[in-house]
Amino acid sequence: MKTRDETKAILKQAGVPAERLYGGIRLNGFDLRGLVLRYGDLRRMPLTSLGTVNLTGAVLAEADLGGAYMWGVLAEGANFSSAQLFGIKAAEADFRNANFCGADMNGAWVIDADFRGANLRGANLRGATAYGVDFRGADLIGTDLRGADLRGADLRGVDLTGPNLTGANLEYAKMDGIQ
């Protein structure tokens, strides 16, 4: 895990002004396409907000983003593999083709987000709220969705033989062509 100072140095190199990095990280509106923050720890920095940040293609593998606010994030093709994302709050976020393999999203609150083509293999979404989330073409093999609230989620064409859906709420979910 990178130290707080190492994480801040990487963000400064990416063009984030120093005043946004103290008293709580506020990255709202920044373009951080291609950022590499492997093992970065933003959770320990209070008020972490990633609202409307462009993280397209960013590498946040094994980063600790627990509890982060991610409203309107653009993270197409980003790598969140094995990241700590428990309790995140994300709405209208673009996670198309992103890699969440092995990520811990336990208790996440995700509304109207786009996970089309995302790799969620082995991810933990136990107890997550995922209203209206688009999972078309996502890899959910081995994903833990026990007790998840998937009301209105789009699961069309997804292979549901692998994920654990025990106790999941699938009310109003679109499930045409599931396997």
Foldseek 3Di string as FASTA:
>chain_A
DDDLVVLVVLVVVQPDDPVCSAQAHDQAPAENAQREQEQAERPVGPPAEQELYEHAQYEHDQYEQDQYEYEQYEHDQYEPDQYEHDQYEYEQYEHDQYEPHNYEHDQYEYELYEHALYECALYEPDLYEYELYEHHNYACANYEDALYEHDNYECEQYAPPGYDHHNYHDHNYHYHNYD
